């Protein structure tokens, strides 16, 4: 677990940072597309407005997926921490087992 990282996605934290940057970019593009939709009021641009609305819908879907992925990464990070602490506590239990056995014999 303590080996150097070979790529930017070898840790949960680096993947979370990527998703944070991606989410910010998606929100920025969504604002631009919304501004474009508002700017096109002429009937001659109706087809373009429909295409922009479809793009906006797809961006909203992507943003939801990125948010969900971020939550999943948070869950994985929490699980990793729990598992690593469990290993630490197991080691502590193994060290304290002989002491516990001594107490059992003393009773």
N, C-alpha and C. Protein backbone atom coordinates (compact mmCIF):
# COMPACT_ATOMS: atom_id res chain seq x y z
N UNK A 1 0.82 -1.20 0.00
CA UNK A 1 0.00 0.00 0.00
C UNK A 1 0.86 1.27 0.00
N UNK A 2 2.10 1.18 0.45
CA UNK A 2 2.94 2.36 0.57
C UNK A 2 3.89 2.53 -0.61
N UNK A 3 3.65 1.84 -1.72
CA UNK A 3 4.51 1.97 -2.88
C UNK A 3 4.21 3.29 -3.60
N UNK A 4 5.19 3.84 -4.33
CA UNK A 4 4.95 5.10 -5.05
C UNK A 4 3.89 4.90 -6.13
N UNK A 5 3.16 5.97 -6.42
CA UNK A 5 2.08 5.91 -7.41
C UNK A 5 2.67 6.03 -8.81
N UNK A 6 2.23 5.14 -9.70
CA UNK A 6 2.70 5.17 -11.08
C UNK A 6 1.79 5.99 -11.98
N UNK A 7 0.55 6.15 -11.61
CA UNK A 7 -0.39 6.93 -12.42
C UNK A 7 -1.26 7.77 -11.48
N UNK A 8 -1.90 8.79 -12.02
CA UNK A 8 -2.69 9.68 -11.16
C UNK A 8 -3.95 9.04 -10.59
N UNK A 9 -4.33 7.83 -11.04
CA UNK A 9 -5.57 7.22 -10.56
C UNK A 9 -5.31 5.99 -9.69
N UNK A 10 -4.15 5.90 -9.12
CA UNK A 10 -3.85 4.75 -8.28
C UNK A 10 -4.31 4.93 -6.85
N UNK A 11 -4.80 6.10 -6.51
CA UNK A 11 -5.33 6.28 -5.16
C UNK A 11 -6.75 6.85 -5.25
N UNK A 12 -7.50 6.57 -4.23
CA UNK A 12 -8.88 7.07 -4.17
C UNK A 12 -8.87 8.59 -4.14
N UNK A 13 -7.94 9.15 -3.39
CA UNK A 13 -7.88 10.61 -3.26
C UNK A 13 -7.56 11.30 -4.58
N UNK A 14 -6.69 10.71 -5.41
CA UNK A 14 -6.39 11.32 -6.70
C UNK A 14 -7.60 11.22 -7.64
N UNK A 15 -8.32 10.12 -7.56
CA UNK A 15 -9.54 9.98 -8.37
C UNK A 15 -10.59 10.99 -7.91
N UNK A 16 -10.68 11.22 -6.60
CA UNK A 16 -11.63 12.21 -6.09
C UNK A 16 -11.27 13.60 -6.58
N UNK A 17 -9.99 13.92 -6.60
CA UNK A 17 -9.55 15.23 -7.08
C UNK A 17 -9.91 15.39 -8.56
N UNK A 18 -9.71 14.34 -9.35
CA UNK A 18 -10.08 14.38 -10.76
C UNK A 18 -11.58 14.64 -10.91
N UNK A 19 -12.40 13.94 -10.15
CA UNK A 19 -13.85 14.12 -10.24
C UNK A 19 -14.26 15.53 -9.81
N UNK A 20 -13.55 16.09 -8.85
CA UNK A 20 -13.83 17.47 -8.42
C UNK A 20 -13.57 18.45 -9.57
N UNK A 21 -12.45 18.26 -10.26
CA UNK A 21 -12.12 19.13 -11.40
C UNK A 21 -13.13 18.92 -12.53
N UNK A 22 -13.47 17.66 -12.80
CA UNK A 22 -14.45 17.35 -13.85
C UNK A 22 -15.80 17.97 -13.53
N UNK A 23 -16.23 17.88 -12.29
CA UNK A 23 -17.51 18.44 -11.88
C UNK A 23 -17.54 19.96 -12.09
N UNK A 24 -16.45 20.63 -11.73
CA UNK A 24 -16.37 22.08 -11.93
C UNK A 24 -16.45 22.43 -13.41
N UNK A 25 -15.78 21.64 -14.26
CA UNK A 25 -15.82 21.90 -15.70
C UNK A 25 -17.22 21.68 -16.25
N UNK A 26 -17.89 20.63 -15.78
CA UNK A 26 -19.26 20.35 -16.24
C UNK A 26 -20.18 21.50 -15.88
N UNK A 27 -20.09 21.98 -14.64
CA UNK A 27 -20.96 23.09 -14.21
C UNK A 27 -20.69 24.35 -15.02
N UNK A 28 -19.42 24.59 -15.34
CA UNK A 28 -19.08 25.76 -16.15
C UNK A 28 -19.69 25.66 -17.55
N UNK A 29 -19.59 24.49 -18.17
CA UNK A 29 -20.15 24.28 -19.50
C UNK A 29 -21.67 24.38 -19.47
N UNK A 30 -22.28 23.85 -18.41
CA UNK A 30 -23.74 23.93 -18.28
C UNK A 30 -24.19 25.39 -18.23
N UNK A 31 -23.47 26.22 -17.52
CA UNK A 31 -23.81 27.64 -17.46
C UNK A 31 -23.69 28.30 -18.83
N UNK A 32 -22.66 27.92 -19.57
CA UNK A 32 -22.47 28.48 -20.91
C UNK A 32 -23.60 28.05 -21.84
N UNK A 33 -23.99 26.79 -21.77
CA UNK A 33 -25.06 26.28 -22.64
C UNK A 33 -26.38 26.95 -22.26
N UNK A 34 -26.64 27.10 -20.97
CA UNK A 34 -27.88 27.78 -20.54
C UNK A 34 -27.90 29.21 -21.06
N UNK A 35 -26.76 29.89 -21.03
CA UNK A 35 -26.68 31.26 -21.55
C UNK A 35 -26.95 31.28 -23.06
N UNK A 36 -26.41 30.29 -23.77
CA UNK A 36 -26.66 30.20 -25.21
C UNK A 36 -28.14 29.98 -25.50
N UNK A 37 -28.79 29.13 -24.72
CA UNK A 37 -30.22 28.86 -24.92
C UNK A 37 -31.02 30.15 -24.69
N UNK A 38 -30.69 30.88 -23.65
CA UNK A 38 -31.41 32.13 -23.37
C UNK A 38 -31.18 33.19 -24.45
N UNK A 39 -29.97 33.16 -25.05
CA UNK A 39 -29.64 34.17 -26.06
C UNK A 39 -30.33 33.91 -27.40
N UNK A 40 -30.72 32.71 -27.66
CA UNK A 40 -31.33 32.36 -28.95
C UNK A 40 -32.85 32.41 -28.86
N UNK A 41 -33.38 33.56 -29.16
CA UNK A 41 -34.84 33.75 -29.08
C UNK A 41 -35.51 33.70 -30.44
N UNK A 42 -34.74 33.80 -31.47
CA UNK A 42 -35.31 33.83 -32.82
C UNK A 42 -35.81 32.44 -33.22
N UNK A 43 -36.98 32.39 -33.91
CA UNK A 43 -37.52 31.09 -34.36
C UNK A 43 -36.60 30.35 -35.33
N UNK A 44 -35.75 31.08 -36.03
CA UNK A 44 -34.84 30.42 -36.97
C UNK A 44 -33.81 29.54 -36.27
N UNK A 45 -33.62 29.76 -34.99
CA UNK A 45 -32.65 28.97 -34.22
C UNK A 45 -33.32 27.86 -33.40
N UNK A 46 -34.57 27.56 -33.72
CA UNK A 46 -35.32 26.59 -32.92
C UNK A 46 -34.62 25.22 -32.87
N UNK A 47 -34.15 24.76 -34.00
CA UNK A 47 -33.48 23.46 -34.03
C UNK A 47 -32.19 23.49 -33.21
N UNK A 48 -31.46 24.57 -33.29
CA UNK A 48 -30.22 24.73 -32.51
C UNK A 48 -30.53 24.76 -31.02
N UNK A 49 -31.60 25.44 -30.64
CA UNK A 49 -32.01 25.50 -29.23
C UNK A 49 -32.37 24.11 -28.73
N UNK A 50 -33.05 23.33 -29.57
CA UNK A 50 -33.38 21.95 -29.17
C UNK A 50 -32.11 21.13 -28.95
N UNK A 51 -31.14 21.31 -29.83
CA UNK A 51 -29.88 20.59 -29.69
C UNK A 51 -29.14 21.03 -28.41
N UNK A 52 -29.18 22.32 -28.12
CA UNK A 52 -28.54 22.82 -26.90
C UNK A 52 -29.26 22.29 -25.65
N UNK A 53 -30.58 22.22 -25.71
CA UNK A 53 -31.32 21.66 -24.57
C UNK A 53 -31.00 20.19 -24.37
N UNK A 54 -30.84 19.45 -25.45
CA UNK A 54 -30.45 18.05 -25.35
C UNK A 54 -29.04 17.94 -24.75
N UNK A 55 -28.14 18.81 -25.19
CA UNK A 55 -26.78 18.82 -24.64
C UNK A 55 -26.81 19.16 -23.14
N UNK A 56 -27.68 20.08 -22.77
CA UNK A 56 -27.82 20.45 -21.36
C UNK A 56 -28.33 19.27 -20.54
N UNK A 57 -29.29 18.55 -21.09
CA UNK A 57 -29.83 17.37 -20.42
C UNK A 57 -28.73 16.33 -20.21
N UNK A 58 -27.92 16.10 -21.25
CA UNK A 58 -26.83 15.12 -21.15
C UNK A 58 -25.78 15.58 -20.15
N UNK A 59 -25.51 16.88 -20.10
CA UNK A 59 -24.57 17.40 -19.11
C UNK A 59 -25.10 17.21 -17.69
N UNK A 60 -26.41 17.39 -17.52
CA UNK A 60 -27.01 17.16 -16.20
C UNK A 60 -26.88 15.69 -15.80
N UNK A 61 -27.08 14.79 -16.75
CA UNK A 61 -26.91 13.36 -16.47
C UNK A 61 -25.46 13.05 -16.07
N UNK A 62 -24.54 13.62 -16.83
CA UNK A 62 -23.12 13.42 -16.54
C UNK A 62 -22.77 13.95 -15.16
N UNK A 63 -23.30 15.10 -14.83
CA UNK A 63 -23.02 15.69 -13.51
C UNK A 63 -23.55 14.80 -12.39
N UNK A 64 -24.72 14.21 -12.58
CA UNK A 64 -25.28 13.29 -11.58
C UNK A 64 -24.40 12.05 -11.44
N UNK A 65 -23.91 11.53 -12.56
CA UNK A 65 -23.04 10.35 -12.51
C UNK A 65 -21.72 10.67 -11.81
N UNK A 66 -21.19 11.84 -12.07
CA UNK A 66 -19.94 12.25 -11.41
C UNK A 66 -20.17 12.38 -9.91
N UNK A 67 -21.30 12.98 -9.53
CA UNK A 67 -21.64 13.12 -8.10
C UNK A 67 -21.77 11.74 -7.45
N UNK A 68 -22.44 10.82 -8.13
CA UNK A 68 -22.59 9.46 -7.62
C UNK A 68 -21.23 8.78 -7.50
N UNK A 69 -20.39 8.95 -8.49
CA UNK A 69 -19.05 8.36 -8.45
C UNK A 69 -18.24 8.92 -7.29
N UNK A 70 -18.40 10.20 -7.04
CA UNK A 70 -17.70 10.82 -5.90
C UNK A 70 -18.16 10.19 -4.59
N UNK A 71 -19.47 9.96 -4.46
CA UNK A 71 -19.99 9.31 -3.24
C UNK A 71 -19.45 7.90 -3.11
N UNK A 72 -19.38 7.17 -4.22
CA UNK A 72 -18.85 5.81 -4.19
C UNK A 72 -17.39 5.82 -3.75
N UNK A 73 -16.62 6.78 -4.26
CA UNK A 73 -15.22 6.88 -3.84
C UNK A 73 -15.12 7.21 -2.35
N UNK A 74 -16.01 8.06 -1.86
CA UNK A 74 -16.03 8.35 -0.42
C UNK A 74 -16.29 7.07 0.38
N UNK A 75 -17.25 6.27 -0.10
CA UNK A 75 -17.56 5.00 0.59
C UNK A 75 -16.35 4.08 0.56
N UNK A 76 -15.69 3.99 -0.57
CA UNK A 76 -14.51 3.13 -0.68
C UNK A 76 -13.39 3.61 0.23
N UNK A 77 -13.21 4.91 0.30
CA UNK A 77 -12.18 5.46 1.19
C UNK A 77 -12.50 5.13 2.64
N UNK A 78 -13.77 5.26 3.02
CA UNK A 78 -14.18 4.93 4.38
C UNK A 78 -13.96 3.45 4.67
N UNK A 79 -14.32 2.60 3.72
CA UNK A 79 -14.10 1.16 3.89
C UNK A 79 -12.62 0.83 4.01
N UNK A 80 -11.81 1.48 3.20
CA UNK A 80 -10.37 1.25 3.28
C UNK A 80 -9.84 1.63 4.66
N UNK A 81 -10.30 2.77 5.17
CA UNK A 81 -9.86 3.19 6.50
C UNK A 81 -10.32 2.22 7.58
N UNK A 82 -11.56 1.76 7.45
CA UNK A 82 -12.06 0.79 8.43
C UNK A 82 -11.26 -0.51 8.39
N UNK A 83 -10.97 -0.97 7.18
CA UNK A 83 -10.21 -2.21 7.04
C UNK A 83 -8.79 -2.07 7.58
N UNK A 84 -8.16 -0.96 7.31
CA UNK A 84 -6.81 -0.76 7.80
C UNK A 84 -6.78 -0.61 9.31
N UNK A 85 -7.76 0.06 9.88
CA UNK A 85 -7.84 0.17 11.34
C UNK A 85 -8.14 -1.19 11.95
N UNK A 86 -8.96 -1.99 11.25
CA UNK A 86 -9.28 -3.32 11.74
C UNK A 86 -8.01 -4.15 11.82
N UNK A 87 -7.16 -4.02 10.82
CA UNK A 87 -5.89 -4.74 10.84
C UNK A 87 -5.05 -4.27 12.03
N UNK A 88 -5.03 -2.97 12.29
CA UNK A 88 -4.29 -2.45 13.42
C UNK A 88 -4.84 -2.98 14.73
N UNK A 89 -6.18 -3.02 14.85
CA UNK A 89 -6.78 -3.50 16.09
C UNK A 89 -6.57 -5.01 16.24
N UNK A 90 -6.54 -5.76 15.12
CA UNK A 90 -6.27 -7.20 15.19
C UNK A 90 -4.86 -7.44 15.71
N UNK A 91 -3.92 -6.61 15.24
CA UNK A 91 -2.55 -6.74 15.73
C UNK A 91 -2.51 -6.45 17.22
N UNK A 92 -3.23 -5.44 17.66
CA UNK A 92 -3.28 -5.12 19.08
C UNK A 92 -3.94 -6.24 19.87
N UNK A 93 -4.97 -6.87 19.28
CA UNK A 93 -5.63 -7.99 19.95
C UNK A 93 -4.69 -9.17 20.10
N UNK A 94 -3.88 -9.43 19.06
CA UNK A 94 -2.93 -10.54 19.13
C UNK A 94 -1.90 -10.31 20.22
N UNK A 95 -1.48 -9.07 20.37
CA UNK A 95 -0.52 -8.73 21.41
C UNK A 95 -1.16 -8.89 22.78
N UNK A 96 -2.43 -8.52 22.92
CA UNK A 96 -3.09 -8.58 24.22
C UNK A 96 -3.67 -9.96 24.53
N UNK A 97 -3.72 -10.88 23.54
CA UNK A 97 -4.26 -12.22 23.78
C UNK A 97 -3.51 -12.98 24.87
N UNK A 98 -2.17 -13.00 24.86
CA UNK A 98 -1.48 -13.71 25.94
C UNK A 98 -1.82 -13.13 27.31
N UNK A 99 -1.96 -11.80 27.37
CA UNK A 99 -2.33 -11.16 28.63
C UNK A 99 -3.73 -11.59 29.04
N UNK A 100 -4.66 -11.69 28.08
CA UNK A 100 -6.02 -12.12 28.38
C UNK A 100 -6.03 -13.56 28.85
N UNK A 101 -5.19 -14.40 28.26
CA UNK A 101 -5.11 -15.79 28.69
C UNK A 101 -4.57 -15.88 30.11
N UNK A 102 -3.63 -15.04 30.44
CA UNK A 102 -3.11 -15.01 31.82
C UNK A 102 -4.21 -14.64 32.78
N UNK A 103 -5.07 -13.71 32.40
CA UNK A 103 -6.18 -13.31 33.28
C UNK A 103 -7.17 -14.45 33.44
N UNK A 104 -7.43 -15.20 32.34
CA UNK A 104 -8.35 -16.35 32.42
C UNK A 104 -7.83 -17.38 33.42
N UNK A 105 -6.53 -17.64 33.40
CA UNK A 105 -5.95 -18.63 34.32
C UNK A 105 -5.97 -18.13 35.75
N UNK A 106 -5.91 -16.82 35.91
CA UNK A 106 -5.88 -16.26 37.27
C UNK A 106 -7.22 -16.39 37.97
N UNK A 107 -8.30 -16.53 37.21
CA UNK A 107 -9.64 -16.59 37.80
C UNK A 107 -9.97 -17.89 38.38
